N, C-alpha and C. Protein backbone atom coordinates (compact mmCIF):
# COMPACT_ATOMS: atom_id res chain seq x y z
N MET A 1 0.82 -1.21 0.02
CA MET A 1 0.00 0.01 0.01
C MET A 1 0.88 1.25 0.01
N SER A 2 0.64 2.15 -0.91
CA SER A 2 1.46 3.32 -1.00
C SER A 2 0.95 4.43 -0.09
N THR A 3 1.87 5.22 0.50
CA THR A 3 1.49 6.32 1.36
C THR A 3 1.71 7.66 0.65
N ALA A 4 2.07 7.60 -0.63
CA ALA A 4 2.26 8.81 -1.41
C ALA A 4 0.96 9.59 -1.55
N THR A 5 1.09 10.89 -1.58
CA THR A 5 -0.13 11.72 -1.78
C THR A 5 -0.04 12.44 -3.09
N THR A 6 -1.16 12.81 -3.60
CA THR A 6 -1.22 13.57 -4.86
C THR A 6 -0.97 15.04 -4.56
N THR A 7 -0.15 15.68 -5.34
CA THR A 7 0.13 17.08 -5.15
C THR A 7 -0.51 17.90 -6.27
N GLU A 8 -1.31 18.84 -5.93
CA GLU A 8 -1.96 19.74 -6.88
C GLU A 8 -1.29 21.09 -6.77
N VAL A 9 -0.90 21.69 -7.83
CA VAL A 9 -0.24 22.98 -7.81
C VAL A 9 -1.11 23.98 -8.53
N ARG A 10 -1.35 25.09 -7.87
CA ARG A 10 -2.16 26.18 -8.48
C ARG A 10 -1.35 27.46 -8.47
N THR A 11 -1.20 28.12 -9.59
CA THR A 11 -0.41 29.36 -9.63
C THR A 11 -1.29 30.57 -9.54
N GLY A 12 -0.70 31.67 -9.17
CA GLY A 12 -1.44 32.94 -9.05
C GLY A 12 -0.72 33.82 -8.04
N PHE A 13 -1.57 34.49 -7.25
CA PHE A 13 -1.07 35.40 -6.21
C PHE A 13 -1.69 35.00 -4.86
N GLY A 14 -0.86 34.86 -3.86
CA GLY A 14 -1.36 34.51 -2.56
C GLY A 14 -1.42 35.77 -1.70
N ALA A 15 -2.55 36.05 -1.08
CA ALA A 15 -2.75 37.19 -0.22
C ALA A 15 -3.09 36.69 1.17
N ALA A 16 -2.61 37.37 2.17
CA ALA A 16 -2.87 36.94 3.56
C ALA A 16 -2.92 38.17 4.51
N ILE A 17 -3.81 38.04 5.49
CA ILE A 17 -3.85 38.97 6.62
C ILE A 17 -3.11 38.24 7.74
N LEU A 18 -2.12 38.88 8.30
CA LEU A 18 -1.27 38.26 9.34
C LEU A 18 -1.35 39.05 10.63
N LEU A 19 -1.06 38.40 11.74
CA LEU A 19 -1.02 39.00 13.05
C LEU A 19 0.39 39.09 13.51
N GLY A 20 0.77 40.26 13.99
CA GLY A 20 2.07 40.47 14.59
C GLY A 20 1.88 40.92 16.01
N ILE A 21 2.81 40.58 16.89
CA ILE A 21 2.80 41.04 18.27
C ILE A 21 4.18 41.49 18.65
N GLY A 22 4.30 42.75 19.06
CA GLY A 22 5.61 43.26 19.46
C GLY A 22 6.58 43.21 18.27
N ASP A 23 7.75 42.67 18.53
CA ASP A 23 8.79 42.57 17.48
C ASP A 23 8.58 41.36 16.58
N ASP A 24 7.69 40.48 16.92
CA ASP A 24 7.42 39.30 16.11
C ASP A 24 6.37 39.67 15.04
N ASP A 25 6.80 39.77 13.80
CA ASP A 25 5.92 40.30 12.78
C ASP A 25 5.10 39.25 12.07
N ASN A 26 5.13 38.01 12.49
CA ASN A 26 4.30 37.02 11.86
C ASN A 26 3.98 35.89 12.86
N ILE A 27 3.03 36.16 13.72
CA ILE A 27 2.62 35.18 14.74
C ILE A 27 1.63 34.18 14.18
N ALA A 28 0.67 34.68 13.40
CA ALA A 28 -0.42 33.80 12.92
C ALA A 28 -1.03 34.38 11.64
N CYS A 29 -1.54 33.48 10.84
CA CYS A 29 -2.31 33.88 9.67
C CYS A 29 -3.79 33.98 10.09
N VAL A 30 -4.40 35.12 9.86
CA VAL A 30 -5.80 35.34 10.26
C VAL A 30 -6.72 35.01 9.12
N ALA A 31 -6.32 35.33 7.90
CA ALA A 31 -7.15 35.03 6.71
C ALA A 31 -6.24 34.98 5.51
N GLU A 32 -6.62 34.17 4.49
CA GLU A 32 -5.85 34.12 3.27
C GLU A 32 -6.74 33.93 2.09
N HIS A 33 -6.22 34.28 0.91
CA HIS A 33 -6.98 34.25 -0.31
C HIS A 33 -6.03 33.96 -1.50
N ASP A 34 -6.40 33.03 -2.33
CA ASP A 34 -5.66 32.78 -3.55
C ASP A 34 -6.35 33.53 -4.66
N ALA A 35 -5.59 34.39 -5.31
CA ALA A 35 -6.09 35.27 -6.39
C ALA A 35 -5.50 34.86 -7.73
N GLU A 36 -6.24 35.08 -8.78
CA GLU A 36 -5.72 34.77 -10.11
C GLU A 36 -4.81 35.86 -10.62
N THR A 37 -5.07 37.13 -10.19
CA THR A 37 -4.29 38.26 -10.68
C THR A 37 -3.77 39.11 -9.51
N GLU A 38 -2.79 39.90 -9.80
CA GLU A 38 -2.22 40.84 -8.81
C GLU A 38 -3.27 41.84 -8.36
N ASP A 39 -4.07 42.33 -9.28
CA ASP A 39 -5.12 43.32 -8.97
C ASP A 39 -6.13 42.69 -8.00
N GLU A 40 -6.51 41.44 -8.24
CA GLU A 40 -7.46 40.79 -7.35
C GLU A 40 -6.88 40.62 -5.96
N ALA A 41 -5.60 40.28 -5.84
CA ALA A 41 -4.96 40.16 -4.52
C ALA A 41 -4.96 41.48 -3.77
N ARG A 42 -4.63 42.58 -4.47
CA ARG A 42 -4.64 43.91 -3.83
C ARG A 42 -6.02 44.30 -3.40
N ARG A 43 -7.02 44.12 -4.29
CA ARG A 43 -8.42 44.46 -3.95
C ARG A 43 -8.88 43.66 -2.72
N TRP A 44 -8.59 42.36 -2.66
CA TRP A 44 -9.00 41.53 -1.51
C TRP A 44 -8.39 42.09 -0.23
N ILE A 45 -7.14 42.44 -0.26
CA ILE A 45 -6.51 43.03 0.94
C ILE A 45 -7.14 44.35 1.30
N GLU A 46 -7.36 45.22 0.33
CA GLU A 46 -7.91 46.55 0.60
C GLU A 46 -9.34 46.46 1.13
N GLN A 47 -10.08 45.43 0.75
CA GLN A 47 -11.44 45.23 1.30
C GLN A 47 -11.46 44.48 2.61
N THR A 48 -10.53 43.54 2.78
CA THR A 48 -10.59 42.68 3.98
C THR A 48 -9.82 43.19 5.18
N LEU A 49 -8.65 43.79 4.98
CA LEU A 49 -7.83 44.23 6.13
C LEU A 49 -8.56 45.17 7.03
N PRO A 50 -9.29 46.19 6.51
CA PRO A 50 -9.97 47.15 7.43
C PRO A 50 -11.06 46.53 8.28
N THR A 51 -11.62 45.38 7.88
CA THR A 51 -12.71 44.81 8.65
C THR A 51 -12.32 43.53 9.39
N THR A 52 -11.07 43.16 9.33
CA THR A 52 -10.58 41.96 10.01
C THR A 52 -10.40 42.22 11.49
N ALA A 53 -10.94 41.32 12.31
CA ALA A 53 -10.82 41.45 13.76
C ALA A 53 -9.67 40.63 14.27
N MET A 54 -9.13 41.09 15.39
CA MET A 54 -8.08 40.30 16.10
C MET A 54 -8.71 38.99 16.55
N PRO A 55 -7.95 37.89 16.52
CA PRO A 55 -8.46 36.64 17.01
C PRO A 55 -8.81 36.77 18.51
N ASP A 56 -9.80 35.98 18.94
CA ASP A 56 -10.23 36.03 20.34
C ASP A 56 -9.11 35.83 21.33
N TRP A 57 -8.18 34.90 21.04
CA TRP A 57 -7.12 34.64 21.99
C TRP A 57 -6.21 35.85 22.22
N VAL A 58 -6.15 36.78 21.31
CA VAL A 58 -5.37 38.01 21.48
C VAL A 58 -6.04 38.87 22.53
N HIS A 59 -7.36 38.99 22.50
CA HIS A 59 -8.08 39.78 23.49
C HIS A 59 -7.95 39.18 24.90
N GLN A 60 -7.73 37.87 24.96
CA GLN A 60 -7.68 37.17 26.29
C GLN A 60 -6.27 37.20 26.90
N ARG A 61 -5.30 37.74 26.19
CA ARG A 61 -3.96 37.85 26.78
C ARG A 61 -3.96 38.79 27.97
N PRO A 62 -2.99 38.69 28.89
CA PRO A 62 -2.99 39.58 30.06
C PRO A 62 -3.01 41.05 29.69
N HIS A 63 -2.39 41.43 28.58
CA HIS A 63 -2.39 42.85 28.14
C HIS A 63 -3.32 43.10 26.97
N GLY A 64 -4.21 42.16 26.71
CA GLY A 64 -5.16 42.33 25.63
C GLY A 64 -4.49 42.52 24.29
N THR A 65 -4.97 43.49 23.54
CA THR A 65 -4.44 43.70 22.19
C THR A 65 -3.22 44.64 22.15
N ALA A 66 -2.75 45.07 23.32
CA ALA A 66 -1.57 45.95 23.37
C ALA A 66 -0.41 45.30 22.64
N GLY A 67 0.19 46.02 21.72
CA GLY A 67 1.32 45.53 20.98
C GLY A 67 1.00 44.60 19.81
N ALA A 68 -0.29 44.28 19.64
CA ALA A 68 -0.72 43.42 18.53
C ALA A 68 -1.13 44.26 17.35
N PHE A 69 -0.88 43.77 16.15
CA PHE A 69 -1.25 44.50 14.96
C PHE A 69 -1.53 43.54 13.82
N LEU A 70 -2.37 43.96 12.90
CA LEU A 70 -2.67 43.19 11.71
C LEU A 70 -2.01 43.87 10.51
N PHE A 71 -1.50 43.07 9.59
CA PHE A 71 -0.97 43.62 8.34
C PHE A 71 -1.22 42.59 7.27
N ALA A 72 -0.92 42.95 6.02
CA ALA A 72 -1.26 42.08 4.92
C ALA A 72 -0.06 41.97 3.96
N ILE A 73 0.01 40.85 3.27
CA ILE A 73 1.02 40.66 2.23
C ILE A 73 0.38 39.95 1.05
N TYR A 74 0.99 40.11 -0.10
CA TYR A 74 0.70 39.29 -1.25
C TYR A 74 1.97 39.10 -2.09
N THR A 75 2.01 37.96 -2.76
CA THR A 75 3.14 37.68 -3.62
C THR A 75 2.74 36.68 -4.68
N GLU A 76 3.45 36.69 -5.76
CA GLU A 76 3.20 35.73 -6.84
C GLU A 76 3.81 34.39 -6.44
N GLY A 77 3.13 33.32 -6.79
CA GLY A 77 3.67 32.00 -6.46
C GLY A 77 2.71 30.89 -6.77
N ILE A 78 2.89 29.81 -6.01
CA ILE A 78 2.11 28.60 -6.22
C ILE A 78 1.57 28.13 -4.90
N ARG A 79 0.37 27.58 -4.92
CA ARG A 79 -0.23 26.93 -3.79
C ARG A 79 -0.06 25.43 -4.01
N VAL A 80 0.62 24.76 -3.13
CA VAL A 80 0.87 23.33 -3.27
C VAL A 80 0.02 22.62 -2.23
N HIS A 81 -0.81 21.69 -2.70
CA HIS A 81 -1.66 20.90 -1.83
C HIS A 81 -1.02 19.57 -1.59
N ASP A 82 -0.76 19.27 -0.33
CA ASP A 82 -0.11 17.98 0.03
C ASP A 82 -1.10 17.16 0.84
N GLY A 83 -1.67 16.17 0.25
CA GLY A 83 -2.57 15.31 0.99
C GLY A 83 -3.84 15.97 1.41
N ARG A 84 -4.51 15.37 2.34
CA ARG A 84 -5.82 15.77 2.76
C ARG A 84 -5.80 17.05 3.60
N GLY A 85 -6.32 18.11 3.04
CA GLY A 85 -6.48 19.37 3.80
C GLY A 85 -5.22 20.15 4.13
N GLU A 86 -4.10 19.75 3.58
CA GLU A 86 -2.84 20.44 3.90
C GLU A 86 -2.33 21.15 2.67
N SER A 87 -1.92 22.45 2.83
CA SER A 87 -1.38 23.15 1.71
C SER A 87 -0.40 24.20 2.22
N ARG A 88 0.43 24.66 1.31
CA ARG A 88 1.37 25.70 1.66
C ARG A 88 1.57 26.61 0.45
N TRP A 89 1.92 27.87 0.69
CA TRP A 89 2.16 28.85 -0.35
C TRP A 89 3.67 28.92 -0.56
N GLU A 90 4.10 28.93 -1.80
CA GLU A 90 5.51 29.07 -2.10
C GLU A 90 5.68 30.19 -3.13
N ASN A 91 6.59 31.12 -2.83
CA ASN A 91 6.85 32.18 -3.79
C ASN A 91 7.43 31.56 -5.04
N TYR A 92 6.96 32.01 -6.20
CA TYR A 92 7.50 31.55 -7.46
C TYR A 92 7.40 32.68 -8.49
N PRO A 93 8.49 33.11 -9.04
CA PRO A 93 9.80 32.58 -8.84
C PRO A 93 10.29 32.84 -7.40
N ASP A 94 11.36 32.18 -6.98
CA ASP A 94 11.83 32.27 -5.58
C ASP A 94 12.03 33.71 -5.11
N ASP A 95 12.44 34.57 -6.04
CA ASP A 95 12.71 35.96 -5.66
C ASP A 95 11.54 36.92 -5.95
N ALA A 96 10.35 36.33 -6.08
CA ALA A 96 9.14 37.17 -6.31
C ALA A 96 9.02 38.21 -5.20
N PRO A 97 8.75 39.46 -5.55
CA PRO A 97 8.65 40.48 -4.51
C PRO A 97 7.39 40.24 -3.62
N GLU A 98 7.53 40.56 -2.37
CA GLU A 98 6.43 40.47 -1.41
C GLU A 98 5.92 41.92 -1.17
N HIS A 99 4.64 42.10 -1.39
CA HIS A 99 4.03 43.41 -1.23
C HIS A 99 3.32 43.45 0.15
N THR A 100 3.61 44.48 0.95
CA THR A 100 3.12 44.55 2.29
C THR A 100 2.25 45.78 2.48
N ALA A 101 1.18 45.63 3.25
CA ALA A 101 0.25 46.74 3.59
C ALA A 101 0.00 46.72 5.08
N ASP A 102 -0.09 47.92 5.64
CA ASP A 102 -0.46 48.14 7.01
C ASP A 102 -1.81 48.88 7.06
N LEU A 103 -2.46 48.77 8.16
CA LEU A 103 -3.69 49.54 8.40
C LEU A 103 -3.35 50.67 9.34
N ILE A 104 -3.41 51.91 8.83
CA ILE A 104 -3.06 53.10 9.60
C ILE A 104 -4.23 54.00 9.62
N ASP A 105 -4.80 54.20 10.83
CA ASP A 105 -5.97 55.09 11.00
C ASP A 105 -7.10 54.67 10.09
N GLY A 106 -7.30 53.38 9.93
CA GLY A 106 -8.39 52.85 9.14
C GLY A 106 -8.15 52.81 7.63
N THR A 107 -6.95 53.22 7.20
CA THR A 107 -6.62 53.28 5.78
C THR A 107 -5.52 52.26 5.46
N VAL A 108 -5.64 51.51 4.38
CA VAL A 108 -4.65 50.58 3.98
C VAL A 108 -3.52 51.37 3.32
N ARG A 109 -2.28 51.17 3.82
CA ARG A 109 -1.12 51.83 3.28
C ARG A 109 -0.14 50.77 2.79
N TRP A 110 0.27 50.89 1.52
CA TRP A 110 1.20 49.94 0.94
C TRP A 110 2.62 50.39 1.16
N TRP A 111 3.55 49.41 1.34
CA TRP A 111 4.97 49.69 1.52
C TRP A 111 5.72 49.24 0.29
N PRO A 112 6.82 49.86 -0.13
CA PRO A 112 7.30 51.12 0.49
C PRO A 112 6.43 52.27 0.11
N ARG A 113 6.20 53.15 1.05
CA ARG A 113 5.42 54.35 0.82
C ARG A 113 6.34 55.44 0.32
N GLU A 114 5.84 56.29 -0.55
CA GLU A 114 6.67 57.35 -1.09
C GLU A 114 7.11 58.31 0.02
N ASP A 115 6.28 58.51 1.04
CA ASP A 115 6.66 59.47 2.09
C ASP A 115 7.74 58.91 3.02
N THR A 116 8.12 57.66 2.86
CA THR A 116 9.18 57.08 3.74
C THR A 116 10.45 56.88 2.94
N GLN A 117 10.44 57.17 1.63
CA GLN A 117 11.63 56.95 0.80
C GLN A 117 12.44 58.24 0.70
N ARG A 118 13.74 58.05 0.71
CA ARG A 118 14.66 59.20 0.61
C ARG A 118 15.62 59.02 -0.51
């Protein structure tokens, strides 16, 4: 009996809303979306990030949401499905740029921002 699993690969753009706490900028993935185009990935982030809530466990920490923040990323790549219900995102090509957005005063801001460049 073989234990090998079938791998399905889907290409496109992977977008994710991530949770950071303090200096740790990637504690957990809160939401993710596989998009066919870069524009779709950006639109999903711009619509989803402002309405995404902190996970319940963050509110239950001794200091609540202090030091916790949500941010978003998207990059070109492939979604690889390994076996039943397991998948991972891989940048493709390996050096594909990662686009990052923060939520500042309720507005999605993409990095690098022109006002921070010298």
